[in-house]
Protein backbone atom coordinates (compact mmCIF):
# COMPACT_ATOMS: atom_id res chain seq x y z
CA UNK A 1 -14.25 12.77 -13.94
CA UNK A 2 -10.89 13.96 -12.67
CA UNK A 3 -10.49 11.88 -9.51
CA UNK A 4 -7.75 12.84 -7.07
CA UNK A 5 -9.04 10.95 -4.05
CA UNK A 6 -6.77 7.91 -4.44
CA UNK A 7 -4.83 5.78 -6.89
CA UNK A 8 -7.37 3.02 -6.23
CA UNK A 9 -9.93 4.71 -8.48
CA UNK A 10 -8.34 3.73 -11.80
CA UNK A 11 -10.27 1.74 -14.39
CA UNK A 12 -8.82 -1.18 -16.35
CA UNK A 13 -7.54 -0.10 -19.76
CA UNK A 14 -8.87 -1.82 -22.90
CA UNK A 15 -5.63 -3.81 -23.12
CA UNK A 16 -5.94 -4.93 -19.51
CA UNK A 17 -9.57 -5.94 -20.06
CA UNK A 18 -8.49 -7.94 -23.12
CA UNK A 19 -5.90 -9.76 -21.00
CA UNK A 20 -8.58 -10.54 -18.44
CA UNK A 21 -11.10 -11.89 -20.93
CA UNK A 22 -8.51 -14.13 -22.57
CA UNK A 23 -7.03 -15.46 -19.31
CA UNK A 24 -6.59 -19.19 -18.93
CA UNK A 25 -8.33 -20.24 -15.71
CA UNK A 26 -8.72 -23.17 -13.38
CA UNK A 27 -9.84 -23.47 -9.77
CA UNK A 28 -7.46 -21.65 -7.48
CA UNK A 29 -8.83 -23.23 -4.31
CA UNK A 30 -7.72 -26.54 -5.82
CA UNK A 31 -4.45 -24.85 -6.73
CA UNK A 32 -4.74 -25.34 -10.47
CA UNK A 33 -5.48 -21.90 -11.92
CA UNK A 34 -2.49 -21.44 -14.26
CA UNK A 35 -2.73 -17.65 -14.44
CA UNK A 36 -2.79 -17.31 -10.65
CA UNK A 37 0.16 -19.69 -10.37
CA UNK A 38 2.10 -17.63 -12.93
CA UNK A 39 1.37 -14.38 -11.09
CA UNK A 40 2.45 -15.84 -7.75
CA UNK A 41 5.69 -17.31 -9.05
CA UNK A 42 6.54 -14.29 -11.20
CA UNK A 43 6.14 -11.80 -8.38
CA UNK A 44 7.88 -14.03 -5.83
CA UNK A 45 10.89 -14.30 -8.12
CA UNK A 46 10.92 -10.57 -8.77
CA UNK A 47 10.70 -9.88 -5.02
CA UNK A 48 13.46 -12.37 -4.23
CA UNK A 49 11.18 -14.65 -2.20
CA UNK A 50 10.42 -18.37 -2.38
CA UNK A 51 6.66 -18.21 -2.87
CA UNK A 52 3.64 -15.98 -3.32
CA UNK A 53 -0.08 -16.13 -2.60
CA UNK A 54 -2.81 -14.19 -4.40
CA UNK A 55 -5.39 -12.33 -2.29
CA UNK A 56 -8.46 -10.30 -3.22
CA UNK A 57 -7.25 -7.31 -1.17
CA UNK A 58 -4.24 -5.84 0.58
CA UNK A 59 -6.20 -5.73 3.82
CA UNK A 60 -6.67 -9.48 3.74
CA UNK A 61 -3.10 -10.09 2.60
CA UNK A 62 -1.72 -8.06 5.50
CA UNK A 63 -4.02 -9.74 8.00
CA UNK A 64 -3.15 -13.25 6.83
CA UNK A 65 0.53 -12.35 7.13
CA UNK A 66 0.06 -11.07 10.69
CA UNK A 67 -1.83 -14.23 11.60
CA UNK A 68 0.90 -16.38 10.05
CA UNK A 69 3.56 -14.63 12.12
CA UNK A 70 1.62 -14.25 15.39
CA UNK A 71 -0.59 -16.45 17.57
CA UNK A 72 -3.40 -15.40 19.91
CA UNK A 73 -2.05 -13.19 22.66
CA UNK A 74 0.99 -12.12 20.64
CA UNK A 75 1.61 -8.54 19.61
CA UNK A 76 3.11 -6.71 16.68
CA UNK A 77 4.90 -3.36 16.70
CA UNK A 78 3.44 -0.97 14.13
CA UNK A 79 3.20 2.73 13.31
CA UNK A 80 0.16 4.71 14.38
CA UNK A 81 -0.20 5.95 10.79
CA UNK A 82 0.19 2.47 9.27
CA UNK A 83 -2.61 0.87 7.32
CA UNK A 84 -2.36 -2.39 9.27
CA UNK A 85 -3.13 -0.46 12.45
CA UNK A 86 -5.25 2.55 11.48
CA UNK A 87 -7.06 1.79 8.24
CA UNK A 88 -7.82 -1.94 8.17
CA UNK A 89 -10.69 -2.14 10.63
CA UNK A 90 -8.68 -3.43 13.58
CA UNK A 91 -8.59 -6.84 11.92
CA UNK A 92 -5.46 -8.02 13.71
CA UNK A 93 -7.14 -7.57 17.09
CA UNK A 94 -10.71 -8.42 16.07
CA UNK A 95 -10.05 -11.48 13.92
CA UNK A 96 -6.50 -12.50 14.78
CA UNK A 97 -6.52 -11.88 18.56
CA UNK A 98 -3.20 -10.11 17.98
CA UNK A 99 -2.46 -7.01 20.05
CA UNK A 100 -1.05 -4.04 18.15
CA UNK A 101 1.66 -2.03 19.88
CA UNK A 102 1.46 1.29 18.02
CA UNK A 103 4.37 3.73 17.88
CA UNK A 104 4.10 7.29 16.62
CA UNK A 105 5.65 7.61 13.18
CA UNK A 106 8.46 10.09 12.66
CA UNK A 107 8.02 12.80 10.05
CA UNK A 108 9.72 10.63 7.42
CA UNK A 109 7.33 7.74 8.09
CA UNK A 110 9.85 5.63 10.00
CA UNK A 111 9.48 4.23 13.51
CA UNK A 112 12.28 5.56 15.74
CA UNK A 113 14.66 2.76 16.66
CA UNK A 114 14.72 3.68 20.34
CA UNK A 115 10.94 3.48 20.47
CA UNK A 116 10.94 0.08 18.77
CA UNK A 117 13.47 -1.15 21.32
CA UNK A 118 11.44 0.24 24.22
CA UNK A 119 8.25 -1.42 22.92
CA UNK A 120 9.69 -4.94 22.83
CA UNK A 121 8.29 -6.75 25.86
CA UNK A 122 10.40 -8.92 28.17
CA UNK A 123 9.52 -12.59 28.52
CA UNK A 124 7.01 -12.25 31.33
CA UNK A 125 3.49 -13.63 31.74
CA UNK A 126 2.24 -10.09 32.43
CA UNK A 127 2.82 -9.05 28.83
CA UNK A 128 1.68 -9.95 25.36
CA UNK A 129 4.51 -11.68 23.52
CA UNK A 130 6.20 -9.35 21.02
CA UNK A 131 6.54 -11.35 17.82
CA UNK A 132 6.64 -9.03 14.82
CA UNK A 133 7.74 -5.64 13.50
CA UNK A 134 5.52 -4.30 10.72
CA UNK A 135 6.66 -1.41 8.51
CA UNK A 136 5.06 0.26 5.48
CA UNK A 137 6.77 1.48 2.29
CA UNK A 138 5.75 3.87 0.89
CA UNK A 139 3.93 5.46 3.83
CA UNK A 140 2.10 8.71 3.20
CA UNK A 141 3.89 8.64 -0.14
CA UNK A 142 7.29 8.71 1.58
CA UNK A 143 9.99 6.16 0.79
CA UNK A 144 11.70 4.59 3.79
CA UNK A 145 15.48 4.99 3.61
CA UNK A 146 17.28 1.68 2.98
CA UNK A 147 19.73 2.30 5.82
CA UNK A 148 16.88 2.80 8.25
CA UNK A 149 15.08 -0.34 7.08
CA UNK A 150 18.26 -2.39 7.56
CA UNK A 151 18.73 -1.04 11.09
CA UNK A 152 15.10 -1.55 12.07
CA UNK A 153 14.88 -5.11 10.77
CA UNK A 154 18.28 -6.01 12.28
CA UNK A 155 17.02 -4.70 15.62
CA UNK A 156 13.87 -6.81 15.30
CA UNK A 157 15.79 -9.97 14.43
CA UNK A 158 18.25 -9.46 17.27
CA UNK A 159 15.28 -9.74 19.64
CA UNK A 160 13.74 -12.75 17.93
CA UNK A 161 11.06 -10.82 16.03
CA UNK A 162 9.86 -11.54 12.52
CA UNK A 163 9.39 -8.69 10.04
CA UNK A 164 6.54 -7.80 7.69
CA UNK A 165 6.30 -5.05 5.09
CA UNK A 166 3.02 -3.57 3.98
CA UNK A 167 4.30 -2.90 0.48
CA UNK A 168 1.00 -1.79 -1.00
CA UNK A 169 2.94 0.88 -2.90
CA UNK A 170 6.38 -0.71 -2.82
CA UNK A 171 6.65 -0.37 -6.60
CA UNK A 172 6.33 3.40 -6.13
CA UNK A 173 9.21 3.15 -3.67
CA UNK A 174 11.26 1.11 -6.12
CA UNK A 175 10.73 3.54 -9.00
CA UNK A 176 11.33 6.63 -6.84
CA UNK A 177 14.52 5.25 -5.27
CA UNK A 178 15.89 3.47 -8.31
CA UNK A 179 16.23 0.26 -6.32
CA UNK A 180 15.07 -3.16 -7.57
CA UNK A 181 12.03 -4.64 -5.92
CA UNK A 182 14.07 -7.51 -4.46
CA UNK A 183 16.35 -5.08 -2.62
CA UNK A 184 13.37 -3.41 -0.92
CA UNK A 185 11.84 -6.77 0.03
CA UNK A 186 15.04 -8.54 1.15
CA UNK A 187 15.06 -7.33 4.79
CA UNK A 188 11.53 -8.67 5.42
CA UNK A 189 10.18 -12.15 6.11
CA UNK A 190 6.95 -11.28 4.30
CA UNK A 191 5.77 -8.52 1.99
CA UNK A 192 2.24 -7.66 0.85
CA UNK A 193 2.23 -6.08 -2.61
CA UNK A 194 -0.90 -4.43 -4.03
CA UNK A 195 -1.87 -4.19 -7.70
CA UNK A 196 -5.04 -2.10 -7.41
CA UNK A 197 -3.30 1.16 -6.52
CA UNK A 198 -0.62 2.74 -8.70
CA UNK A 199 -0.39 -0.31 -10.95
CA UNK A 200 -3.99 0.14 -12.05
CA UNK A 201 -5.45 -3.36 -11.68
CA UNK A 202 -9.09 -3.52 -10.54
CA UNK A 203 -8.34 -5.79 -7.56
CA UNK A 204 -5.66 -7.97 -6.04
CA UNK A 205 -2.60 -8.26 -3.80
CA UNK A 206 0.11 -10.88 -3.50
CA UNK A 207 1.84 -11.90 -0.27
CA UNK A 208 5.41 -13.12 -0.77
CA UNK A 209 7.72 -14.87 1.65
CA UNK A 210 9.19 -18.27 2.45
CA UNK A 211 7.32 -21.39 1.35
CA UNK A 212 6.69 -22.32 4.98
CA UNK A 213 5.19 -18.93 5.81
CA UNK A 214 3.05 -18.85 2.65
CA UNK A 215 1.71 -22.30 3.51
CA UNK A 216 0.49 -21.00 6.87
CA UNK A 217 -0.91 -17.85 5.26
CA UNK A 218 -2.72 -20.04 2.70
CA UNK A 219 -4.73 -21.65 5.47
CA UNK A 220 -5.58 -18.27 6.98
CA UNK A 221 -6.65 -16.99 3.57
CA UNK A 222 -9.22 -19.76 3.47
CA UNK A 223 -10.40 -18.99 7.01
CA UNK A 224 -10.74 -15.30 6.11
CA UNK A 225 -12.85 -16.10 3.06
CA UNK A 226 -10.17 -15.25 0.51
CA UNK A 227 -10.21 -18.49 -1.45
CA UNK A 228 -11.44 -17.73 -4.97
CA UNK A 229 -12.16 -20.03 -7.87
CA UNK A 230 -11.49 -18.87 -11.46
CA UNK A 231 -9.45 -15.97 -10.13
CA UNK A 232 -7.09 -16.11 -13.07
CA UNK A 233 -9.37 -13.49 -14.60
CA UNK A 234 -8.20 -11.12 -11.87
CA UNK A 235 -4.62 -12.38 -11.81
CA UNK A 236 -4.35 -11.62 -15.52
CA UNK A 237 -5.00 -7.95 -14.79
CA UNK A 238 -2.21 -8.01 -12.19
CA UNK A 239 0.20 -9.67 -14.61
CA UNK A 240 -0.64 -7.04 -17.22
CA UNK A 241 0.00 -4.33 -14.65
CA UNK A 242 3.30 -5.91 -13.65
CA UNK A 243 4.43 -6.03 -17.26
CA UNK A 244 3.20 -2.60 -18.42
CA UNK A 245 2.50 -0.22 -15.53
CA UNK A 246 5.55 -0.23 -13.27
CA UNK A 247 8.01 2.09 -15.03
CA UNK A 248 5.28 4.59 -15.81
CA UNK A 249 4.87 5.28 -12.08
CA UNK A 250 7.61 7.87 -12.58
CA UNK A 251 5.06 9.89 -14.56
CA UNK A 252 2.70 9.89 -11.57
CA UNK A 253 5.51 11.11 -9.33
CA UNK A 254 6.33 13.93 -11.73
CA UNK A 255 2.66 14.90 -11.93
CA UNK A 256 2.46 15.00 -8.13
CA UNK A 257 5.40 17.40 -8.07
CA UNK A 258 3.66 19.56 -10.66
CA UNK A 259 0.47 19.47 -8.59
CA UNK A 260 2.32 20.51 -5.43
CA UNK A 261 3.83 23.51 -7.22
CA UNK A 262 0.44 24.52 -8.57
CA UNK A 263 -1.27 24.38 -5.18
CA UNK A 264 1.63 26.19 -3.52
CA UNK A 265 1.01 29.14 -5.84
CA UNK A 266 -2.43 29.66 -4.24
CA UNK A 267 -2.27 31.90 -1.19
CA UNK A 268 -5.07 30.18 0.72
CA UNK A 269 -3.46 26.73 0.39
CA UNK A 270 -0.60 25.35 2.47
CA UNK A 271 1.23 22.43 0.87
CA UNK A 272 2.57 20.24 3.67
CA UNK A 273 4.43 17.60 1.70
CA UNK A 274 4.82 15.85 -1.63
CA UNK A 275 6.42 12.47 -2.08
CA UNK A 276 6.04 9.93 -4.89
CA UNK A 277 2.42 10.19 -6.07
CA UNK A 278 0.89 11.98 -3.06
CA UNK A 279 0.41 15.61 -2.13
CA UNK A 280 -0.82 16.68 1.30
CA UNK A 281 -2.23 20.18 1.76
CA UNK A 282 -4.36 22.21 4.14
CA UNK A 283 -7.23 24.53 3.23
CA UNK A 284 -9.14 26.92 5.51
CA UNK A 285 -11.76 24.83 7.31
CA UNK A 286 -14.68 27.03 6.27
CA UNK A 287 -13.91 26.18 2.63
CA UNK A 288 -13.78 22.38 2.90
CA UNK A 289 -17.42 21.67 2.08
CA UNK A 290 -18.08 24.45 -0.46
CA UNK A 291 -14.78 23.88 -2.27
CA UNK A 292 -15.36 20.14 -2.54
CA UNK A 293 -18.85 20.83 -3.94
CA UNK A 294 -17.51 23.52 -6.30
CA UNK A 295 -14.97 21.07 -7.71
CA UNK A 296 -17.48 18.23 -8.01
CA UNK A 297 -19.77 20.45 -10.08
CA UNK A 298 -16.84 20.80 -12.48
CA UNK A 299 -16.15 17.08 -12.70
CA UNK A 300 -13.35 16.96 -10.13
CA UNK A 301 -13.52 14.55 -7.18
CA UNK A 302 -11.56 15.34 -3.99
CA UNK A 303 -11.89 14.79 -0.26
CA UNK A 304 -11.41 17.97 1.73
CA UNK A 305 -10.50 17.24 5.36
CA UNK A 306 -8.08 18.64 7.94
CA UNK A 307 -5.13 17.39 5.92
CA UNK A 308 -6.31 16.77 2.38
CA UNK A 309 -4.54 14.15 0.29
CA UNK A 310 -4.36 14.32 -3.50
CA UNK A 311 -3.10 11.24 -5.34
CA UNK A 312 -1.89 11.06 -8.93
CA UNK A 313 -2.32 7.90 -11.00
CA UNK A 314 -2.43 6.54 -14.54
CA UNK A 315 -5.91 7.96 -15.24
CA UNK A 316 -4.71 11.52 -14.53
CA UNK A 317 -2.84 13.53 -17.14
CA UNK A 318 -0.76 16.67 -16.71
CA UNK A 319 -3.66 18.57 -18.29
CA UNK A 320 -6.01 17.16 -15.65
CA UNK A 321 -3.69 18.45 -12.94
CA UNK A 322 -3.73 21.91 -14.48
CA UNK A 323 -7.53 21.81 -14.73
CA UNK A 324 -7.77 21.01 -11.02
CA UNK A 325 -5.34 23.75 -9.97
CA UNK A 326 -7.14 26.29 -12.18
CA UNK A 327 -10.47 25.31 -10.61
CA UNK A 328 -9.10 25.85 -7.09
CA UNK A 329 -7.77 29.23 -8.18
CA UNK A 330 -11.14 30.13 -9.67
CA UNK A 331 -12.90 29.17 -6.42
CA UNK A 332 -10.75 31.44 -4.29
CA UNK A 333 -10.91 34.23 -6.86
CA UNK A 334 -14.70 34.47 -6.63
């Protein structure tokens, strides 16, 4: 199948599977799985942070970070399009008793500084206590500008707020911008980094930050059911991805650009944006269901909605992109 629905759909390569089956393991709940320990320390060092903590998912990693930063009745400022607000089941509110204060994202994915300032609550018993600013990079495939990130995090700190980055695709941001990972992570107190998206691991995220913050997050990981045992089998896949699949993200970005050009050549398709490994486009509504079915019959998986997203990844070749574009052309040429 040619699967354009997400970069989460990749399968482990034979070499990654070999790394997993040969992984040295222990019991991570006891803190003695050597492969997990190596992943945590390796990524923390690369991100310029003191410590790391391995999680089964980015959703849980983000939630544990929010709960480490905020207490019951606190709030965090977040974008309306952000995963931690829109796509993670309302976990902060439901499980953390943390109130989100959503702000509409600007076209470039940022949160306008004046809106952040206006959202910070005064010290008053009428209000939830504003404790945290949460950003996402990349967001909708877009890379946040370093100057903006510095201004936003400086604003947060000047008002006593902590900062968290949902860096599920922060390696895409690093490759696209040419900046080292540590530079992108430096402005934040905590960063959640995912391995099961562009890096191609089957599962896993790592939260990095100070030792004190990671210690608090470690307790919340247990409460949230994230303590695993011989999880070195999974950590080995993440280490393999870290060592072999980072630089090649540039290929995904180039393929996304090629895909955007191909779709733009079709009169019935409006390409809205392309950044890093994501293309967003709109199709006439009456064609959503039949086009999706037409493509599936030809071994191509998509999700046709109001704004359709197509994501390139390591299991998609340039030839696969051309096959998809040709199939869309064939559909509209009928």
